[in-house]
Structures are given as C-alpha cells and as structure tokens.
C-alpha cells in the first residue's frame, strides 16, 4: 500500500496468502 504495489510484491503477497490458507486448512 505504501509503494502502490509493484508486481513482484503483489505476487509475493498472493503466494503468502495461499500458503497461510493452506496451513490453516
């Protein structure tokens, strides 16, 4: 949000969200 989202950061964020969701599952 501070840097208005560069593509690698968005990809990393999505990857981490998916990883957290899998761990919770």
PDBML (XML) file of the C-alpha atoms, coordinates in Angstrom:
<?xml version="1.0" encoding="UTF-8" ?>
<PDBx:datablock datablockName="MODEL"
   xmlns:PDBx="http://pdbml.pdb.org/schema/pdbx-v50.xsd"
   xmlns:xsi="http://www.w3.org/2001/XMLSchema-instance"
   xsi:schemaLocation="http://pdbml.pdb.org/schema/pdbx-v50.xsd pdbx-v50.xsd">
   <PDBx:atom_siteCategory>
      <PDBx:atom_site id="1">
         <PDBx:B_iso_or_equiv>0.00</PDBx:B_iso_or_equiv>
         <PDBx:Cartn_x>0.000</PDBx:Cartn_x>
         <PDBx:Cartn_y>0.000</PDBx:Cartn_y>
         <PDBx:Cartn_z>0.000</PDBx:Cartn_z>
         <PDBx:auth_asym_id>A</PDBx:auth_asym_id>
         <PDBx:auth_atom_id>CA</PDBx:auth_atom_id>
         <PDBx:auth_comp_id>UNK</PDBx:auth_comp_id>
         <PDBx:auth_seq_id>1</PDBx:auth_seq_id>
         <PDBx:group_PDB>ATOM</PDBx:group_PDB>
         <PDBx:label_alt_id xsi:nil="true" />
         <PDBx:label_asym_id>A</PDBx:label_asym_id>
         <PDBx:label_atom_id>CA</PDBx:label_atom_id>
         <PDBx:label_comp_id>UNK</PDBx:label_comp_id>
         <PDBx:label_entity_id>1</PDBx:label_entity_id>
         <PDBx:label_seq_id>1</PDBx:label_seq_id>
         <PDBx:occupancy>1.00</PDBx:occupancy>
         <PDBx:pdbx_PDB_model_num>1</PDBx:pdbx_PDB_model_num>
         <PDBx:type_symbol>C</PDBx:type_symbol>
      </PDBx:atom_site>
      <PDBx:atom_site id="2">
         <PDBx:B_iso_or_equiv>0.00</PDBx:B_iso_or_equiv>
         <PDBx:Cartn_x>2.924</PDBx:Cartn_x>
         <PDBx:Cartn_y>2.354</PDBx:Cartn_y>
         <PDBx:Cartn_z>0.648</PDBx:Cartn_z>
         <PDBx:auth_asym_id>A</PDBx:auth_asym_id>
         <PDBx:auth_atom_id>CA</PDBx:auth_atom_id>
         <PDBx:auth_comp_id>UNK</PDBx:auth_comp_id>
         <PDBx:auth_seq_id>2</PDBx:auth_seq_id>
         <PDBx:group_PDB>ATOM</PDBx:group_PDB>
         <PDBx:label_alt_id xsi:nil="true" />
         <PDBx:label_asym_id>A</PDBx:label_asym_id>
         <PDBx:label_atom_id>CA</PDBx:label_atom_id>
         <PDBx:label_comp_id>UNK</PDBx:label_comp_id>
         <PDBx:label_entity_id>1</PDBx:label_entity_id>
         <PDBx:label_seq_id>2</PDBx:label_seq_id>
         <PDBx:occupancy>1.00</PDBx:occupancy>
         <PDBx:pdbx_PDB_model_num>1</PDBx:pdbx_PDB_model_num>
         <PDBx:type_symbol>C</PDBx:type_symbol>
      </PDBx:atom_site>
      <PDBx:atom_site id="3">
         <PDBx:B_iso_or_equiv>0.00</PDBx:B_iso_or_equiv>
         <PDBx:Cartn_x>4.559</PDBx:Cartn_x>
         <PDBx:Cartn_y>1.787</PDBx:Cartn_y>
         <PDBx:Cartn_z>-2.718</PDBx:Cartn_z>
         <PDBx:auth_asym_id>A</PDBx:auth_asym_id>
         <PDBx:auth_atom_id>CA</PDBx:auth_atom_id>
         <PDBx:auth_comp_id>UNK</PDBx:auth_comp_id>
         <PDBx:auth_seq_id>3</PDBx:auth_seq_id>
         <PDBx:group_PDB>ATOM</PDBx:group_PDB>
         <PDBx:label_alt_id xsi:nil="true" />
         <PDBx:label_asym_id>A</PDBx:label_asym_id>
         <PDBx:label_atom_id>CA</PDBx:label_atom_id>
         <PDBx:label_comp_id>UNK</PDBx:label_comp_id>
         <PDBx:label_entity_id>1</PDBx:label_entity_id>
         <PDBx:label_seq_id>3</PDBx:label_seq_id>
         <PDBx:occupancy>1.00</PDBx:occupancy>
         <PDBx:pdbx_PDB_model_num>1</PDBx:pdbx_PDB_model_num>
         <PDBx:type_symbol>C</PDBx:type_symbol>
      </PDBx:atom_site>
      <PDBx:atom_site id="4">
         <PDBx:B_iso_or_equiv>0.00</PDBx:B_iso_or_equiv>
         <PDBx:Cartn_x>1.304</PDBx:Cartn_x>
         <PDBx:Cartn_y>1.375</PDBx:Cartn_y>
         <PDBx:Cartn_z>-4.689</PDBx:Cartn_z>
         <PDBx:auth_asym_id>A</PDBx:auth_asym_id>
         <PDBx:auth_atom_id>CA</PDBx:auth_atom_id>
         <PDBx:auth_comp_id>UNK</PDBx:auth_comp_id>
         <PDBx:auth_seq_id>4</PDBx:auth_seq_id>
         <PDBx:group_PDB>ATOM</PDBx:group_PDB>
         <PDBx:label_alt_id xsi:nil="true" />
         <PDBx:label_asym_id>A</PDBx:label_asym_id>
         <PDBx:label_atom_id>CA</PDBx:label_atom_id>
         <PDBx:label_comp_id>UNK</PDBx:label_comp_id>
         <PDBx:label_entity_id>1</PDBx:label_entity_id>
         <PDBx:label_seq_id>4</PDBx:label_seq_id>
         <PDBx:occupancy>1.00</PDBx:occupancy>
         <PDBx:pdbx_PDB_model_num>1</PDBx:pdbx_PDB_model_num>
         <PDBx:type_symbol>C</PDBx:type_symbol>
      </PDBx:atom_site>
      <PDBx:atom_site id="5">
         <PDBx:B_iso_or_equiv>0.00</PDBx:B_iso_or_equiv>
         <PDBx:Cartn_x>2.127</PDBx:Cartn_x>
         <PDBx:Cartn_y>-2.293</PDBx:Cartn_y>
         <PDBx:Cartn_z>-5.347</PDBx:Cartn_z>
         <PDBx:auth_asym_id>A</PDBx:auth_asym_id>
         <PDBx:auth_atom_id>CA</PDBx:auth_atom_id>
         <PDBx:auth_comp_id>UNK</PDBx:auth_comp_id>
         <PDBx:auth_seq_id>5</PDBx:auth_seq_id>
         <PDBx:group_PDB>ATOM</PDBx:group_PDB>
         <PDBx:label_alt_id xsi:nil="true" />
         <PDBx:label_asym_id>A</PDBx:label_asym_id>
         <PDBx:label_atom_id>CA</PDBx:label_atom_id>
         <PDBx:label_comp_id>UNK</PDBx:label_comp_id>
         <PDBx:label_entity_id>1</PDBx:label_entity_id>
         <PDBx:label_seq_id>5</PDBx:label_seq_id>
         <PDBx:occupancy>1.00</PDBx:occupancy>
         <PDBx:pdbx_PDB_model_num>1</PDBx:pdbx_PDB_model_num>
         <PDBx:type_symbol>C</PDBx:type_symbol>
      </PDBx:atom_site>
      <PDBx:atom_site id="6">
         <PDBx:B_iso_or_equiv>0.00</PDBx:B_iso_or_equiv>
         <PDBx:Cartn_x>4.772</PDBx:Cartn_x>
         <PDBx:Cartn_y>-3.474</PDBx:Cartn_y>
         <PDBx:Cartn_z>-7.719</PDBx:Cartn_z>
         <PDBx:auth_asym_id>A</PDBx:auth_asym_id>
         <PDBx:auth_atom_id>CA</PDBx:auth_atom_id>
         <PDBx:auth_comp_id>UNK</PDBx:auth_comp_id>
         <PDBx:auth_seq_id>6</PDBx:auth_seq_id>
         <PDBx:group_PDB>ATOM</PDBx:group_PDB>
         <PDBx:label_alt_id xsi:nil="true" />
         <PDBx:label_asym_id>A</PDBx:label_asym_id>
         <PDBx:label_atom_id>CA</PDBx:label_atom_id>
         <PDBx:label_comp_id>UNK</PDBx:label_comp_id>
         <PDBx:label_entity_id>1</PDBx:label_entity_id>
         <PDBx:label_seq_id>6</PDBx:label_seq_id>
         <PDBx:occupancy>1.00</PDBx:occupancy>
         <PDBx:pdbx_PDB_model_num>1</PDBx:pdbx_PDB_model_num>
         <PDBx:type_symbol>C</PDBx:type_symbol>
      </PDBx:atom_site>
      <PDBx:atom_site id="7">
         <PDBx:B_iso_or_equiv>0.00</PDBx:B_iso_or_equiv>
         <PDBx:Cartn_x>4.171</PDBx:Cartn_x>
         <PDBx:Cartn_y>-6.775</PDBx:Cartn_y>
         <PDBx:Cartn_z>-9.487</PDBx:Cartn_z>
         <PDBx:auth_asym_id>A</PDBx:auth_asym_id>
         <PDBx:auth_atom_id>CA</PDBx:auth_atom_id>
         <PDBx:auth_comp_id>UNK</PDBx:auth_comp_id>
         <PDBx:auth_seq_id>7</PDBx:auth_seq_id>
         <PDBx:group_PDB>ATOM</PDBx:group_PDB>
         <PDBx:label_alt_id xsi:nil="true" />
         <PDBx:label_asym_id>A</PDBx:label_asym_id>
         <PDBx:label_atom_id>CA</PDBx:label_atom_id>
         <PDBx:label_comp_id>UNK</PDBx:label_comp_id>
         <PDBx:label_entity_id>1</PDBx:label_entity_id>
         <PDBx:label_seq_id>7</PDBx:label_seq_id>
         <PDBx:occupancy>1.00</PDBx:occupancy>
         <PDBx:pdbx_PDB_model_num>1</PDBx:pdbx_PDB_model_num>
         <PDBx:type_symbol>C</PDBx:type_symbol>
      </PDBx:atom_site>
      <PDBx:atom_site id="8">
         <PDBx:B_iso_or_equiv>0.00</PDBx:B_iso_or_equiv>
         <PDBx:Cartn_x>6.746</PDBx:Cartn_x>
         <PDBx:Cartn_y>-8.879</PDBx:Cartn_y>
         <PDBx:Cartn_z>-7.549</PDBx:Cartn_z>
         <PDBx:auth_asym_id>A</PDBx:auth_asym_id>
         <PDBx:auth_atom_id>CA</PDBx:auth_atom_id>
         <PDBx:auth_comp_id>UNK</PDBx:auth_comp_id>
         <PDBx:auth_seq_id>8</PDBx:auth_seq_id>
         <PDBx:group_PDB>ATOM</PDBx:group_PDB>
         <PDBx:label_alt_id xsi:nil="true" />
         <PDBx:label_asym_id>A</PDBx:label_asym_id>
         <PDBx:label_atom_id>CA</PDBx:label_atom_id>
         <PDBx:label_comp_id>UNK</PDBx:label_comp_id>
         <PDBx:label_entity_id>1</PDBx:label_entity_id>
         <PDBx:label_seq_id>8</PDBx:label_seq_id>
         <PDBx:occupancy>1.00</PDBx:occupancy>
         <PDBx:pdbx_PDB_model_num>1</PDBx:pdbx_PDB_model_num>
         <PDBx:type_symbol>C</PDBx:type_symbol>
      </PDBx:atom_site>
      <PDBx:atom_site id="9">
         <PDBx:B_iso_or_equiv>0.00</PDBx:B_iso_or_equiv>
         <PDBx:Cartn_x>5.300</PDBx:Cartn_x>
         <PDBx:Cartn_y>-7.698</PDBx:Cartn_y>
         <PDBx:Cartn_z>-4.239</PDBx:Cartn_z>
         <PDBx:auth_asym_id>A</PDBx:auth_asym_id>
         <PDBx:auth_atom_id>CA</PDBx:auth_atom_id>
         <PDBx:auth_comp_id>UNK</PDBx:auth_comp_id>
         <PDBx:auth_seq_id>9</PDBx:auth_seq_id>
         <PDBx:group_PDB>ATOM</PDBx:group_PDB>
         <PDBx:label_alt_id xsi:nil="true" />
         <PDBx:label_asym_id>A</PDBx:label_asym_id>
         <PDBx:label_atom_id>CA</PDBx:label_atom_id>
         <PDBx:label_comp_id>UNK</PDBx:label_comp_id>
         <PDBx:label_entity_id>1</PDBx:label_entity_id>
         <PDBx:label_seq_id>9</PDBx:label_seq_id>
         <PDBx:occupancy>1.00</PDBx:occupancy>
         <PDBx:pdbx_PDB_model_num>1</PDBx:pdbx_PDB_model_num>
         <PDBx:type_symbol>C</PDBx:type_symbol>
      </PDBx:atom_site>
      <PDBx:atom_site id="10">
         <PDBx:B_iso_or_equiv>0.00</PDBx:B_iso_or_equiv>
         <PDBx:Cartn_x>1.747</PDBx:Cartn_x>
         <PDBx:Cartn_y>-8.469</PDBx:Cartn_y>
         <PDBx:Cartn_z>-5.290</PDBx:Cartn_z>
         <PDBx:auth_asym_id>A</PDBx:auth_asym_id>
         <PDBx:auth_atom_id>CA</PDBx:auth_atom_id>
         <PDBx:auth_comp_id>UNK</PDBx:auth_comp_id>
         <PDBx:auth_seq_id>10</PDBx:auth_seq_id>
         <PDBx:group_PDB>ATOM</PDBx:group_PDB>
         <PDBx:label_alt_id xsi:nil="true" />
         <PDBx:label_asym_id>A</PDBx:label_asym_id>
         <PDBx:label_atom_id>CA</PDBx:label_atom_id>
         <PDBx:label_comp_id>UNK</PDBx:label_comp_id>
         <PDBx:label_entity_id>1</PDBx:label_entity_id>
         <PDBx:label_seq_id>10</PDBx:label_seq_id>
         <PDBx:occupancy>1.00</PDBx:occupancy>
         <PDBx:pdbx_PDB_model_num>1</PDBx:pdbx_PDB_model_num>
         <PDBx:type_symbol>C</PDBx:type_symbol>
      </PDBx:atom_site>
      <PDBx:atom_site id="11">
         <PDBx:B_iso_or_equiv>0.00</PDBx:B_iso_or_equiv>
         <PDBx:Cartn_x>2.824</PDBx:Cartn_x>
         <PDBx:Cartn_y>-11.938</PDBx:Cartn_y>
         <PDBx:Cartn_z>-6.381</PDBx:Cartn_z>
         <PDBx:auth_asym_id>A</PDBx:auth_asym_id>
         <PDBx:auth_atom_id>CA</PDBx:auth_atom_id>
         <PDBx:auth_comp_id>UNK</PDBx:auth_comp_id>
         <PDBx:auth_seq_id>11</PDBx:auth_seq_id>
         <PDBx:group_PDB>ATOM</PDBx:group_PDB>
         <PDBx:label_alt_id xsi:nil="true" />
         <PDBx:label_asym_id>A</PDBx:label_asym_id>
         <PDBx:label_atom_id>CA</PDBx:label_atom_id>
         <PDBx:label_comp_id>UNK</PDBx:label_comp_id>
         <PDBx:label_entity_id>1</PDBx:label_entity_id>
         <PDBx:label_seq_id>11</PDBx:label_seq_id>
         <PDBx:occupancy>1.00</PDBx:occupancy>
         <PDBx:pdbx_PDB_model_num>1</PDBx:pdbx_PDB_model_num>
         <PDBx:type_symbol>C</PDBx:type_symbol>
      </PDBx:atom_site>
      <PDBx:atom_site id="12">
         <PDBx:B_iso_or_equiv>0.00</PDBx:B_iso_or_equiv>
         <PDBx:Cartn_x>4.631</PDBx:Cartn_x>
         <PDBx:Cartn_y>-12.481</PDBx:Cartn_y>
         <PDBx:Cartn_z>-3.074</PDBx:Cartn_z>
         <PDBx:auth_asym_id>A</PDBx:auth_asym_id>
         <PDBx:auth_atom_id>CA</PDBx:auth_atom_id>
         <PDBx:auth_comp_id>UNK</PDBx:auth_comp_id>
         <PDBx:auth_seq_id>12</PDBx:auth_seq_id>
         <PDBx:group_PDB>ATOM</PDBx:group_PDB>
         <PDBx:label_alt_id xsi:nil="true" />
         <PDBx:label_asym_id>A</PDBx:label_asym_id>
         <PDBx:label_atom_id>CA</PDBx:label_atom_id>
         <PDBx:label_comp_id>UNK</PDBx:label_comp_id>
         <PDBx:label_entity_id>1</PDBx:label_entity_id>
         <PDBx:label_seq_id>12</PDBx:label_seq_id>
         <PDBx:occupancy>1.00</PDBx:occupancy>
         <PDBx:pdbx_PDB_model_num>1</PDBx:pdbx_PDB_model_num>
         <PDBx:type_symbol>C</PDBx:type_symbol>
      </PDBx:atom_site>
      <PDBx:atom_site id="13">
         <PDBx:B_iso_or_equiv>0.00</PDBx:B_iso_or_equiv>
         <PDBx:Cartn_x>1.565</PDBx:Cartn_x>
         <PDBx:Cartn_y>-11.293</PDBx:Cartn_y>
         <PDBx:Cartn_z>-1.142</PDBx:Cartn_z>
         <PDBx:auth_asym_id>A</PDBx:auth_asym_id>
         <PDBx:auth_atom_id>CA</PDBx:auth_atom_id>
         <PDBx:auth_comp_id>UNK</PDBx:auth_comp_id>
         <PDBx:auth_seq_id>13</PDBx:auth_seq_id>
         <PDBx:group_PDB>ATOM</PDBx:group_PDB>
         <PDBx:label_alt_id xsi:nil="true" />
         <PDBx:label_asym_id>A</PDBx:label_asym_id>
         <PDBx:label_atom_id>CA</PDBx:label_atom_id>
         <PDBx:label_comp_id>UNK</PDBx:label_comp_id>
         <PDBx:label_entity_id>1</PDBx:label_entity_id>
         <PDBx:label_seq_id>13</PDBx:label_seq_id>
         <PDBx:occupancy>1.00</PDBx:occupancy>
         <PDBx:pdbx_PDB_model_num>1</PDBx:pdbx_PDB_model_num>
         <PDBx:type_symbol>C</PDBx:type_symbol>
      </PDBx:atom_site>
      <PDBx:atom_site id="14">
         <PDBx:B_iso_or_equiv>0.00</PDBx:B_iso_or_equiv>
         <PDBx:Cartn_x>-0.688</PDBx:Cartn_x>
         <PDBx:Cartn_y>-13.694</PDBx:Cartn_y>
         <PDBx:Cartn_z>-3.038</PDBx:Cartn_z>
         <PDBx:auth_asym_id>A</PDBx:auth_asym_id>
         <PDBx:auth_atom_id>CA</PDBx:auth_atom_id>
         <PDBx:auth_comp_id>UNK</PDBx:auth_comp_id>
         <PDBx:auth_seq_id>14</PDBx:auth_seq_id>
         <PDBx:group_PDB>ATOM</PDBx:group_PDB>
         <PDBx:label_alt_id xsi:nil="true" />
         <PDBx:label_asym_id>A</PDBx:label_asym_id>
         <PDBx:label_atom_id>CA</PDBx:label_atom_id>
         <PDBx:label_comp_id>UNK</PDBx:label_comp_id>
         <PDBx:label_entity_id>1</PDBx:label_entity_id>
         <PDBx:label_seq_id>14</PDBx:label_seq_id>
         <PDBx:occupancy>1.00</PDBx:occupancy>
         <PDBx:pdbx_PDB_model_num>1</PDBx:pdbx_PDB_model_num>
         <PDBx:type_symbol>C</PDBx:type_symbol>
      </PDBx:atom_site>
      <PDBx:atom_site id="15">
         <PDBx:B_iso_or_equiv>0.00</PDBx:B_iso_or_equiv>
         <PDBx:Cartn_x>1.779</PDBx:Cartn_x>
         <PDBx:Cartn_y>-16.545</PDBx:Cartn_y>
         <PDBx:Cartn_z>-2.543</PDBx:Cartn_z>
         <PDBx:auth_asym_id>A</PDBx:auth_asym_id>
         <PDBx:auth_atom_id>CA</PDBx:auth_atom_id>
         <PDBx:auth_comp_id>UNK</PDBx:auth_comp_id>
         <PDBx:auth_seq_id>15</PDBx:auth_seq_id>
         <PDBx:group_PDB>ATOM</PDBx:group_PDB>
         <PDBx:label_alt_id xsi:nil="true" />
         <PDBx:label_asym_id>A</PDBx:label_asym_id>
         <PDBx:label_atom_id>CA</PDBx:label_atom_id>
         <PDBx:label_comp_id>UNK</PDBx:label_comp_id>
         <PDBx:label_entity_id>1</PDBx:label_entity_id>
         <PDBx:label_seq_id>15</PDBx:label_seq_id>
         <PDBx:occupancy>1.00</PDBx:occupancy>
         <PDBx:pdbx_PDB_model_num>1</PDBx:pdbx_PDB_model_num>
         <PDBx:type_symbol>C</PDBx:type_symbol>
      </PDBx:atom_site>
      <PDBx:atom_site id="16">
         <PDBx:B_iso_or_equiv>0.00</PDBx:B_iso_or_equiv>
         <PDBx:Cartn_x>1.921</PDBx:Cartn_x>
         <PDBx:Cartn_y>-15.862</PDBx:Cartn_y>
         <PDBx:Cartn_z>1.209</PDBx:Cartn_z>
         <PDBx:auth_asym_id>A</PDBx:auth_asym_id>
         <PDBx:auth_atom_id>CA</PDBx:auth_atom_id>
         <PDBx:auth_comp_id>UNK</PDBx:auth_comp_id>
         <PDBx:auth_seq_id>16</PDBx:auth_seq_id>
         <PDBx:group_PDB>ATOM</PDBx:group_PDB>
         <PDBx:label_alt_id xsi:nil="true" />
         <PDBx:label_asym_id>A</PDBx:label_asym_id>
         <PDBx:label_atom_id>CA</PDBx:label_atom_id>
         <PDBx:label_comp_id>UNK</PDBx:label_comp_id>
         <PDBx:label_entity_id>1</PDBx:label_entity_id>
         <PDBx:label_seq_id>16</PDBx:label_seq_id>
         <PDBx:occupancy>1.00</PDBx:occupancy>
         <PDBx:pdbx_PDB_model_num>1</PDBx:pdbx_PDB_model_num>
         <PDBx:type_symbol>C</PDBx:type_symbol>
      </PDBx:atom_site>
      <PDBx:atom_site id="17">
         <PDBx:B_iso_or_equiv>0.00</PDBx:B_iso_or_equiv>
         <PDBx:Cartn_x>-1.855</PDBx:Cartn_x>
         <PDBx:Cartn_y>-15.659</PDBx:Cartn_y>
         <PDBx:Cartn_z>1.449</PDBx:Cartn_z>
         <PDBx:auth_asym_id>A</PDBx:auth_asym_id>
         <PDBx:auth_atom_id>CA</PDBx:auth_atom_id>
         <PDBx:auth_comp_id>UNK</PDBx:auth_comp_id>
         <PDBx:auth_seq_id>17</PDBx:auth_seq_id>
         <PDBx:group_PDB>ATOM</PDBx:group_PDB>
         <PDBx:label_alt_id xsi:nil="true" />
         <PDBx:label_asym_id>A</PDBx:label_asym_id>
         <PDBx:label_atom_id>CA</PDBx:label_atom_id>
         <PDBx:label_comp_id>UNK</PDBx:label_comp_id>
         <PDBx:label_entity_id>1</PDBx:label_entity_id>
         <PDBx:label_seq_id>17</PDBx:label_seq_id>
         <PDBx:occupancy>1.00</PDBx:occupancy>
         <PDBx:pdbx_PDB_model_num>1</PDBx:pdbx_PDB_model_num>
         <PDBx:type_symbol>C</PDBx:type_symbol>
      </PDBx:atom_site>
      <PDBx:atom_site id="18">
         <PDBx:B_iso_or_equiv>0.00</PDBx:B_iso_or_equiv>
         <PDBx:Cartn_x>-2.174</PDBx:Cartn_x>
         <PDBx:Cartn_y>-19.006</PDBx:Cartn_y>
         <PDBx:Cartn_z>-0.315</PDBx:Cartn_z>
         <PDBx:auth_asym_id>A</PDBx:auth_asym_id>
         <PDBx:auth_atom_id>CA</PDBx:auth_atom_id>
         <PDBx:auth_comp_id>UNK</PDBx:auth_comp_id>
         <PDBx:auth_seq_id>18</PDBx:auth_seq_id>
         <PDBx:group_PDB>ATOM</PDBx:group_PDB>
         <PDBx:label_alt_id xsi:nil="true" />
         <PDBx:label_asym_id>A</PDBx:label_asym_id>
         <PDBx:label_atom_id>CA</PDBx:label_atom_id>
         <PDBx:label_comp_id>UNK</PDBx:label_comp_id>
         <PDBx:label_entity_id>1</PDBx:label_entity_id>
         <PDBx:label_seq_id>18</PDBx:label_seq_id>
         <PDBx:occupancy>1.00</PDBx:occupancy>
         <PDBx:pdbx_PDB_model_num>1</PDBx:pdbx_PDB_model_num>
         <PDBx:type_symbol>C</PDBx:type_symbol>
      </PDBx:atom_site>
      <PDBx:atom_site id="19">
         <PDBx:B_iso_or_equiv>0.00</PDBx:B_iso_or_equiv>
         <PDBx:Cartn_x>0.452</PDBx:Cartn_x>
         <PDBx:Cartn_y>-20.515</PDBx:Cartn_y>
         <PDBx:Cartn_z>1.982</PDBx:Cartn_z>
         <PDBx:auth_asym_id>A</PDBx:auth_asym_id>
         <PDBx:auth_atom_id>CA</PDBx:auth_atom_id>
         <PDBx:auth_comp_id>UNK</PDBx:auth_comp_id>
         <PDBx:auth_seq_id>19</PDBx:auth_seq_id>
         <PDBx:group_PDB>ATOM</PDBx:group_PDB>
         <PDBx:label_alt_id xsi:nil="true" />
         <PDBx:label_asym_id>A</PDBx:label_asym_id>
         <PDBx:label_atom_id>CA</PDBx:label_atom_id>
         <PDBx:label_comp_id>UNK</PDBx:label_comp_id>
         <PDBx:label_entity_id>1</PDBx:label_entity_id>
         <PDBx:label_seq_id>19</PDBx:label_seq_id>
         <PDBx:occupancy>1.00</PDBx:occupancy>
         <PDBx:pdbx_PDB_model_num>1</PDBx:pdbx_PDB_model_num>
         <PDBx:type_symbol>C</PDBx:type_symbol>
      </PDBx:atom_site>
      <PDBx:atom_site id="20">
         <PDBx:B_iso_or_equiv>0.00</PDBx:B_iso_or_equiv>
         <PDBx:Cartn_x>-1.336</PDBx:Cartn_x>
         <PDBx:Cartn_y>-19.254</PDBx:Cartn_y>
         <PDBx:Cartn_z>5.105</PDBx:Cartn_z>
         <PDBx:auth_asym_id>A</PDBx:auth_asym_id>
         <PDBx:auth_atom_id>CA</PDBx:auth_atom_id>
         <PDBx:auth_comp_id>UNK</PDBx:auth_comp_id>
         <PDBx:auth_seq_id>20</PDBx:auth_seq_id>
         <PDBx:group_PDB>ATOM</PDBx:group_PDB>
         <PDBx:label_alt_id xsi:nil="true" />
         <PDBx:label_asym_id>A</PDBx:label_asym_id>
         <PDBx:label_atom_id>CA</PDBx:label_atom_id>
         <PDBx:label_comp_id>UNK</PDBx:label_comp_id>
         <PDBx:label_entity_id>1</PDBx:label_entity_id>
         <PDBx:label_seq_id>20</PDBx:label_seq_id>
         <PDBx:occupancy>1.00</PDBx:occupancy>
         <PDBx:pdbx_PDB_model_num>1</PDBx:pdbx_PDB_model_num>
         <PDBx:type_symbol>C</PDBx:type_symbol>
      </PDBx:atom_site>
      <PDBx:atom_site id="21">
         <PDBx:B_iso_or_equiv>0.00</PDBx:B_iso_or_equiv>
         <PDBx:Cartn_x>-4.670</PDBx:Cartn_x>
         <PDBx:Cartn_y>-20.568</PDBx:Cartn_y>
         <PDBx:Cartn_z>3.814</PDBx:Cartn_z>
         <PDBx:auth_asym_id>A</PDBx:auth_asym_id>
         <PDBx:auth_atom_id>CA</PDBx:auth_atom_id>
         <PDBx:auth_comp_id>UNK</PDBx:auth_comp_id>
         <PDBx:auth_seq_id>21</PDBx:auth_seq_id>
         <PDBx:group_PDB>ATOM</PDBx:group_PDB>
         <PDBx:label_alt_id xsi:nil="true" />
         <PDBx:label_asym_id>A</PDBx:label_asym_id>
         <PDBx:label_atom_id>CA</PDBx:label_atom_id>
         <PDBx:label_comp_id>UNK</PDBx:label_comp_id>
         <PDBx:label_entity_id>1</PDBx:label_entity_id>
         <PDBx:label_seq_id>21</PDBx:label_seq_id>
         <PDBx:occupancy>1.00</PDBx:occupancy>
         <PDBx:pdbx_PDB_model_num>1</PDBx:pdbx_PDB_model_num>
         <PDBx:type_symbol>C</PDBx:type_symbol>
      </PDBx:atom_site>
      <PDBx:atom_site id="22">
         <PDBx:B_iso_or_equiv>0.00</PDBx:B_iso_or_equiv>
         <PDBx:Cartn_x>-3.110</PDBx:Cartn_x>
         <PDBx:Cartn_y>-23.986</PDBx:Cartn_y>
         <PDBx:Cartn_z>3.152</PDBx:Cartn_z>
         <PDBx:auth_asym_id>A</PDBx:auth_asym_id>
         <PDBx:auth_atom_id>CA</PDBx:auth_atom_id>
         <PDBx:auth_comp_id>UNK</PDBx:auth_comp_id>
         <PDBx:auth_seq_id>22</PDBx:auth_seq_id>
         <PDBx:group_PDB>ATOM</PDBx:group_PDB>
         <PDBx:label_alt_id xsi:nil="true" />
         <PDBx:label_asym_id>A</PDBx:label_asym_id>
         <PDBx:label_atom_id>CA</PDBx:label_atom_id>
         <PDBx:label_comp_id>UNK</PDBx:label_comp_id>
         <PDBx:label_entity_id>1</PDBx:label_entity_id>
         <PDBx:label_seq_id>22</PDBx:label_seq_id>
         <PDBx:occupancy>1.00</PDBx:occupancy>
         <PDBx:pdbx_PDB_model_num>1</PDBx:pdbx_PDB_model_num>
         <PDBx:type_symbol>C</PDBx:type_symbol>
      </PDBx:atom_site>
      <PDBx:atom_site id="23">
         <PDBx:B_iso_or_equiv>0.00</PDBx:B_iso_or_equiv>
         <PDBx:Cartn_x>-1.530</PDBx:Cartn_x>
         <PDBx:Cartn_y>-24.100</PDBx:Cartn_y>
         <PDBx:Cartn_z>6.624</PDBx:Cartn_z>
         <PDBx:auth_asym_id>A</PDBx:auth_asym_id>
         <PDBx:auth_atom_id>CA</PDBx:auth_atom_id>
         <PDBx:auth_comp_id>UNK</PDBx:auth_comp_id>
         <PDBx:auth_seq_id>23</PDBx:auth_seq_id>
         <PDBx:group_PDB>ATOM</PDBx:group_PDB>
         <PDBx:label_alt_id xsi:nil="true" />
         <PDBx:label_asym_id>A</PDBx:label_asym_id>
         <PDBx:label_atom_id>CA</PDBx:label_atom_id>
         <PDBx:label_comp_id>UNK</PDBx:label_comp_id>
         <PDBx:label_entity_id>1</PDBx:label_entity_id>
         <PDBx:label_seq_id>23</PDBx:label_seq_id>
         <PDBx:occupancy>1.00</PDBx:occupancy>
         <PDBx:pdbx_PDB_model_num>1</PDBx:pdbx_PDB_model_num>
         <PDBx:type_symbol>C</PDBx:type_symbol>
      </PDBx:atom_site>
      <PDBx:atom_site id="24">
         <PDBx:B_iso_or_equiv>0.00</PDBx:B_iso_or_equiv>
         <PDBx:Cartn_x>-4.863</PDBx:Cartn_x>
         <PDBx:Cartn_y>-23.218</PDBx:Cartn_y>
         <PDBx:Cartn_z>8.226</PDBx:Cartn_z>
         <PDBx:auth_asym_id>A</PDBx:auth_asym_id>
         <PDBx:auth_atom_id>CA</PDBx:auth_atom_id>
         <PDBx:auth_comp_id>UNK</PDBx:auth_comp_id>
         <PDBx:auth_seq_id>24</PDBx:auth_seq_id>
         <PDBx:group_PDB>ATOM</PDBx:group_PDB>
         <PDBx:label_alt_id xsi:nil="true" />
         <PDBx:label_asym_id>A</PDBx:label_asym_id>
         <PDBx:label_atom_id>CA</PDBx:label_atom_id>
         <PDBx:label_comp_id>UNK</PDBx:label_comp_id>
         <PDBx:label_entity_id>1</PDBx:label_entity_id>
         <PDBx:label_seq_id>24</PDBx:label_seq_id>
         <PDBx:occupancy>1.00</PDBx:occupancy>
         <PDBx:pdbx_PDB_model_num>1</PDBx:pdbx_PDB_model_num>
         <PDBx:type_symbol>C</PDBx:type_symbol>
      </PDBx:atom_site>
      <PDBx:atom_site id="25">
         <PDBx:B_iso_or_equiv>0.00</PDBx:B_iso_or_equiv>
         <PDBx:Cartn_x>-6.618</PDBx:Cartn_x>
         <PDBx:Cartn_y>-25.915</PDBx:Cartn_y>
         <PDBx:Cartn_z>6.155</PDBx:Cartn_z>
         <PDBx:auth_asym_id>A</PDBx:auth_asym_id>
         <PDBx:auth_atom_id>CA</PDBx:auth_atom_id>
         <PDBx:auth_comp_id>UNK</PDBx:auth_comp_id>
         <PDBx:auth_seq_id>25</PDBx:auth_seq_id>
         <PDBx:group_PDB>ATOM</PDBx:group_PDB>
         <PDBx:label_alt_id xsi:nil="true" />
         <PDBx:label_asym_id>A</PDBx:label_asym_id>
         <PDBx:label_atom_id>CA</PDBx:label_atom_id>
         <PDBx:label_comp_id>UNK</PDBx:label_comp_id>
         <PDBx:label_entity_id>1</PDBx:label_entity_id>
         <PDBx:label_seq_id>25</PDBx:label_seq_id>
         <PDBx:occupancy>1.00</PDBx:occupancy>
         <PDBx:pdbx_PDB_model_num>1</PDBx:pdbx_PDB_model_num>
         <PDBx:type_symbol>C</PDBx:type_symbol>
      </PDBx:atom_site>
   </PDBx:atom_siteCategory>
</PDBx:datablock>
